[in-house]
């Protein structure tokens, strides 16, 4: 079972790497925001998977929830800031 978790985590890390490239090369700010959102979601999933791999999912689920809320609020703040600029 640990091998499956490690494979999934490796795939998620590869997706995060691709999103970092997308954020750097993105043609518009909206592509960069989308990349940041995908990275945040993947980090939340990585935290939960690591919690199951470590044997302490209750601690890592709490951290993942806090990180997810922080990422969501950050996206809302950036979107409001960019939406207000004309």
N, C-alpha and C. Protein backbone atom coordinates (compact mmCIF):
# COMPACT_ATOMS: atom_id res chain seq x y z
N UNK A 1 0.82 -1.20 0.00
CA UNK A 1 0.00 0.00 0.00
C UNK A 1 0.86 1.26 0.00
N UNK A 2 2.03 1.17 0.66
CA UNK A 2 2.91 2.33 0.69
C UNK A 2 3.44 2.67 -0.70
N UNK A 3 3.62 1.65 -1.53
CA UNK A 3 4.12 1.89 -2.88
C UNK A 3 3.12 2.69 -3.70
N UNK A 4 1.85 2.41 -3.53
CA UNK A 4 0.81 3.16 -4.25
C UNK A 4 0.83 4.62 -3.82
N UNK A 5 0.95 4.87 -2.51
CA UNK A 5 1.02 6.24 -2.02
C UNK A 5 2.23 6.97 -2.60
N UNK A 6 3.36 6.29 -2.64
CA UNK A 6 4.57 6.92 -3.16
C UNK A 6 4.45 7.22 -4.66
N UNK A 7 3.82 6.34 -5.41
CA UNK A 7 3.63 6.58 -6.85
C UNK A 7 2.70 7.77 -7.06
N UNK A 8 1.62 7.81 -6.31
CA UNK A 8 0.68 8.94 -6.43
C UNK A 8 1.36 10.24 -6.04
N UNK A 9 2.17 10.20 -4.98
CA UNK A 9 2.88 11.41 -4.56
C UNK A 9 3.88 11.87 -5.62
N UNK A 10 4.55 10.92 -6.27
CA UNK A 10 5.50 11.28 -7.33
C UNK A 10 4.78 11.92 -8.51
N UNK A 11 3.62 11.39 -8.87
CA UNK A 11 2.84 11.98 -9.97
C UNK A 11 2.39 13.39 -9.60
N UNK A 12 1.94 13.57 -8.37
CA UNK A 12 1.50 14.90 -7.94
C UNK A 12 2.66 15.89 -7.92
N UNK A 13 3.84 15.44 -7.51
CA UNK A 13 5.01 16.32 -7.54
C UNK A 13 5.37 16.70 -8.98
N UNK A 14 5.21 15.78 -9.91
CA UNK A 14 5.46 16.09 -11.32
C UNK A 14 4.45 17.12 -11.82
N UNK A 15 3.19 16.98 -11.42
CA UNK A 15 2.16 17.95 -11.82
C UNK A 15 2.48 19.32 -11.22
N UNK A 16 2.94 19.35 -9.97
CA UNK A 16 3.32 20.62 -9.35
C UNK A 16 4.48 21.25 -10.13
N UNK A 17 5.45 20.44 -10.53
CA UNK A 17 6.57 20.94 -11.33
C UNK A 17 6.08 21.55 -12.64
N UNK A 18 5.14 20.88 -13.31
CA UNK A 18 4.59 21.42 -14.56
C UNK A 18 3.84 22.73 -14.32
N UNK A 19 3.13 22.83 -13.20
CA UNK A 19 2.39 24.05 -12.90
C UNK A 19 3.33 25.21 -12.56
N UNK A 20 4.47 24.91 -11.96
CA UNK A 20 5.46 25.96 -11.71
C UNK A 20 5.97 26.51 -13.04
N UNK A 21 6.22 25.62 -13.99
CA UNK A 21 6.63 26.07 -15.32
C UNK A 21 5.53 26.91 -15.96
N UNK A 22 4.28 26.47 -15.81
CA UNK A 22 3.14 27.22 -16.36
C UNK A 22 3.04 28.60 -15.71
N UNK A 23 3.33 28.67 -14.40
CA UNK A 23 3.27 29.96 -13.72
C UNK A 23 4.37 30.89 -14.22
N UNK A 24 5.53 30.36 -14.50
CA UNK A 24 6.63 31.19 -14.96
C UNK A 24 6.41 31.65 -16.40
N UNK A 25 5.94 30.74 -17.27
CA UNK A 25 5.79 31.05 -18.68
C UNK A 25 4.39 31.49 -19.07
N UNK A 26 3.45 31.46 -18.13
CA UNK A 26 2.05 31.76 -18.46
C UNK A 26 1.90 33.06 -19.21
N UNK A 27 1.10 33.05 -20.28
CA UNK A 27 0.97 34.27 -21.06
C UNK A 27 0.19 35.37 -20.34
N UNK A 28 -0.66 35.00 -19.40
CA UNK A 28 -1.43 36.03 -18.71
C UNK A 28 -1.41 35.77 -17.21
N UNK A 29 -1.85 36.75 -16.46
CA UNK A 29 -1.90 36.63 -15.01
C UNK A 29 -2.93 35.59 -14.59
N UNK A 30 -3.95 35.39 -15.41
CA UNK A 30 -4.98 34.41 -15.06
C UNK A 30 -4.45 32.98 -15.17
N UNK A 31 -3.56 32.73 -16.12
CA UNK A 31 -2.91 31.43 -16.20
C UNK A 31 -2.04 31.19 -14.97
N UNK A 32 -1.38 32.24 -14.52
CA UNK A 32 -0.54 32.11 -13.33
C UNK A 32 -1.38 31.86 -12.09
N UNK A 33 -2.53 32.53 -12.00
CA UNK A 33 -3.42 32.29 -10.86
C UNK A 33 -3.97 30.87 -10.89
N UNK A 34 -4.31 30.39 -12.07
CA UNK A 34 -4.81 29.02 -12.21
C UNK A 34 -3.73 28.02 -11.80
N UNK A 35 -2.51 28.26 -12.20
CA UNK A 35 -1.40 27.39 -11.80
C UNK A 35 -1.20 27.38 -10.30
N UNK A 36 -1.32 28.54 -9.68
CA UNK A 36 -1.17 28.63 -8.23
C UNK A 36 -2.29 27.87 -7.52
N UNK A 37 -3.48 27.94 -8.06
CA UNK A 37 -4.61 27.22 -7.48
C UNK A 37 -4.42 25.71 -7.59
N UNK A 38 -3.94 25.25 -8.72
CA UNK A 38 -3.70 23.81 -8.91
C UNK A 38 -2.58 23.34 -7.98
N UNK A 39 -1.55 24.15 -7.82
CA UNK A 39 -0.47 23.79 -6.91
C UNK A 39 -1.00 23.67 -5.48
N UNK A 40 -1.84 24.61 -5.08
CA UNK A 40 -2.41 24.55 -3.74
C UNK A 40 -3.24 23.31 -3.51
N UNK A 41 -4.05 22.94 -4.49
CA UNK A 41 -4.87 21.73 -4.36
C UNK A 41 -4.00 20.48 -4.30
N UNK A 42 -2.95 20.45 -5.10
CA UNK A 42 -2.07 19.28 -5.09
C UNK A 42 -1.28 19.18 -3.79
N UNK A 43 -0.90 20.30 -3.22
CA UNK A 43 -0.19 20.27 -1.93
C UNK A 43 -1.11 19.74 -0.84
N UNK A 44 -2.38 20.12 -0.88
CA UNK A 44 -3.35 19.59 0.10
C UNK A 44 -3.44 18.07 -0.03
N UNK A 45 -3.53 17.57 -1.25
CA UNK A 45 -3.60 16.12 -1.46
C UNK A 45 -2.31 15.45 -1.01
N UNK A 46 -1.16 16.08 -1.30
CA UNK A 46 0.11 15.52 -0.85
C UNK A 46 0.19 15.44 0.66
N UNK A 47 -0.29 16.46 1.35
CA UNK A 47 -0.26 16.44 2.81
C UNK A 47 -1.10 15.30 3.37
N UNK A 48 -2.27 15.11 2.82
CA UNK A 48 -3.14 14.02 3.29
C UNK A 48 -2.50 12.66 3.00
N UNK A 49 -1.95 12.49 1.81
CA UNK A 49 -1.30 11.22 1.48
C UNK A 49 -0.10 10.97 2.38
N UNK A 50 0.67 12.01 2.66
CA UNK A 50 1.81 11.84 3.56
C UNK A 50 1.36 11.48 4.97
N UNK A 51 0.23 12.03 5.39
CA UNK A 51 -0.31 11.67 6.69
C UNK A 51 -0.66 10.19 6.76
N UNK A 52 -1.27 9.65 5.72
CA UNK A 52 -1.57 8.22 5.70
C UNK A 52 -0.30 7.39 5.61
N UNK A 53 0.68 7.88 4.87
CA UNK A 53 1.94 7.17 4.75
C UNK A 53 2.69 7.15 6.08
N UNK A 54 2.61 8.24 6.83
CA UNK A 54 3.30 8.38 8.11
C UNK A 54 2.56 7.67 9.24
N UNK A 55 1.27 7.42 9.05
CA UNK A 55 0.49 6.76 10.08
C UNK A 55 -0.21 7.71 11.03
N UNK A 56 -0.14 9.00 10.74
CA UNK A 56 -0.81 10.00 11.58
C UNK A 56 -1.68 10.91 10.71
N UNK A 57 -2.72 10.37 10.09
CA UNK A 57 -3.52 11.18 9.16
C UNK A 57 -4.27 12.32 9.84
N UNK A 58 -4.64 12.15 11.12
CA UNK A 58 -5.43 13.20 11.78
C UNK A 58 -4.65 14.51 11.90
N UNK A 59 -3.34 14.44 12.12
CA UNK A 59 -2.55 15.65 12.22
C UNK A 59 -2.40 16.32 10.85
N UNK A 60 -2.11 15.54 9.84
CA UNK A 60 -1.87 16.10 8.52
C UNK A 60 -3.16 16.56 7.84
N UNK A 61 -4.28 15.95 8.17
CA UNK A 61 -5.55 16.42 7.62
C UNK A 61 -5.87 17.81 8.14
N UNK A 62 -5.59 18.06 9.43
CA UNK A 62 -5.81 19.40 9.97
C UNK A 62 -4.92 20.43 9.28
N UNK A 63 -3.67 20.07 9.06
CA UNK A 63 -2.75 20.98 8.37
C UNK A 63 -3.22 21.21 6.93
N UNK A 64 -3.68 20.16 6.26
CA UNK A 64 -4.15 20.27 4.88
C UNK A 64 -5.39 21.16 4.79
N UNK A 65 -6.30 21.04 5.75
CA UNK A 65 -7.50 21.90 5.75
C UNK A 65 -7.10 23.36 5.92
N UNK A 66 -6.19 23.63 6.85
CA UNK A 66 -5.74 25.01 7.06
C UNK A 66 -5.04 25.55 5.81
N UNK A 67 -4.21 24.74 5.18
CA UNK A 67 -3.52 25.17 3.97
C UNK A 67 -4.50 25.41 2.83
N UNK A 68 -5.51 24.55 2.71
CA UNK A 68 -6.52 24.72 1.67
C UNK A 68 -7.32 25.99 1.85
N UNK A 69 -7.71 26.29 3.09
CA UNK A 69 -8.46 27.52 3.37
C UNK A 69 -7.59 28.73 3.07
N UNK A 70 -6.32 28.69 3.47
CA UNK A 70 -5.41 29.80 3.20
C UNK A 70 -5.23 30.01 1.70
N UNK A 71 -5.09 28.92 0.94
CA UNK A 71 -4.95 29.04 -0.51
C UNK A 71 -6.19 29.61 -1.17
N UNK A 72 -7.36 29.19 -0.70
CA UNK A 72 -8.61 29.70 -1.26
C UNK A 72 -8.77 31.19 -0.98
N UNK A 73 -8.50 31.60 0.25
CA UNK A 73 -8.61 33.02 0.60
C UNK A 73 -7.61 33.85 -0.19
N UNK A 74 -6.41 33.32 -0.39
CA UNK A 74 -5.41 34.03 -1.18
C UNK A 74 -5.88 34.21 -2.62
N UNK A 75 -6.47 33.18 -3.21
CA UNK A 75 -6.99 33.30 -4.58
C UNK A 75 -8.10 34.34 -4.66
N UNK A 76 -8.98 34.37 -3.68
CA UNK A 76 -10.06 35.36 -3.67
C UNK A 76 -9.50 36.77 -3.57
N UNK A 77 -8.52 36.97 -2.70
CA UNK A 77 -7.94 38.31 -2.52
C UNK A 77 -7.24 38.76 -3.80
N UNK A 78 -6.47 37.88 -4.42
CA UNK A 78 -5.78 38.25 -5.66
C UNK A 78 -6.78 38.52 -6.78
N UNK A 79 -7.84 37.72 -6.87
CA UNK A 79 -8.86 37.93 -7.91
C UNK A 79 -9.58 39.26 -7.70
N UNK A 80 -9.88 39.60 -6.45
CA UNK A 80 -10.53 40.90 -6.20
C UNK A 80 -9.59 42.05 -6.55
N UNK A 81 -8.31 41.89 -6.22
CA UNK A 81 -7.34 42.93 -6.53
C UNK A 81 -7.21 43.11 -8.05
N UNK A 82 -7.13 42.01 -8.78
CA UNK A 82 -7.00 42.10 -10.23
C UNK A 82 -8.30 42.55 -10.89
N UNK A 83 -9.43 42.18 -10.33
CA UNK A 83 -10.71 42.59 -10.88
C UNK A 83 -10.98 44.07 -10.69
N UNK A 84 -10.43 44.64 -9.62
CA UNK A 84 -10.64 46.06 -9.35
C UNK A 84 -9.78 46.96 -10.21
N UNK A 85 -8.69 46.43 -10.75
CA UNK A 85 -7.79 47.21 -11.62
C UNK A 85 -8.36 47.27 -13.02
N UNK A 86 -8.52 48.48 -13.54
CA UNK A 86 -9.01 48.63 -14.91
C UNK A 86 -8.22 49.67 -15.64
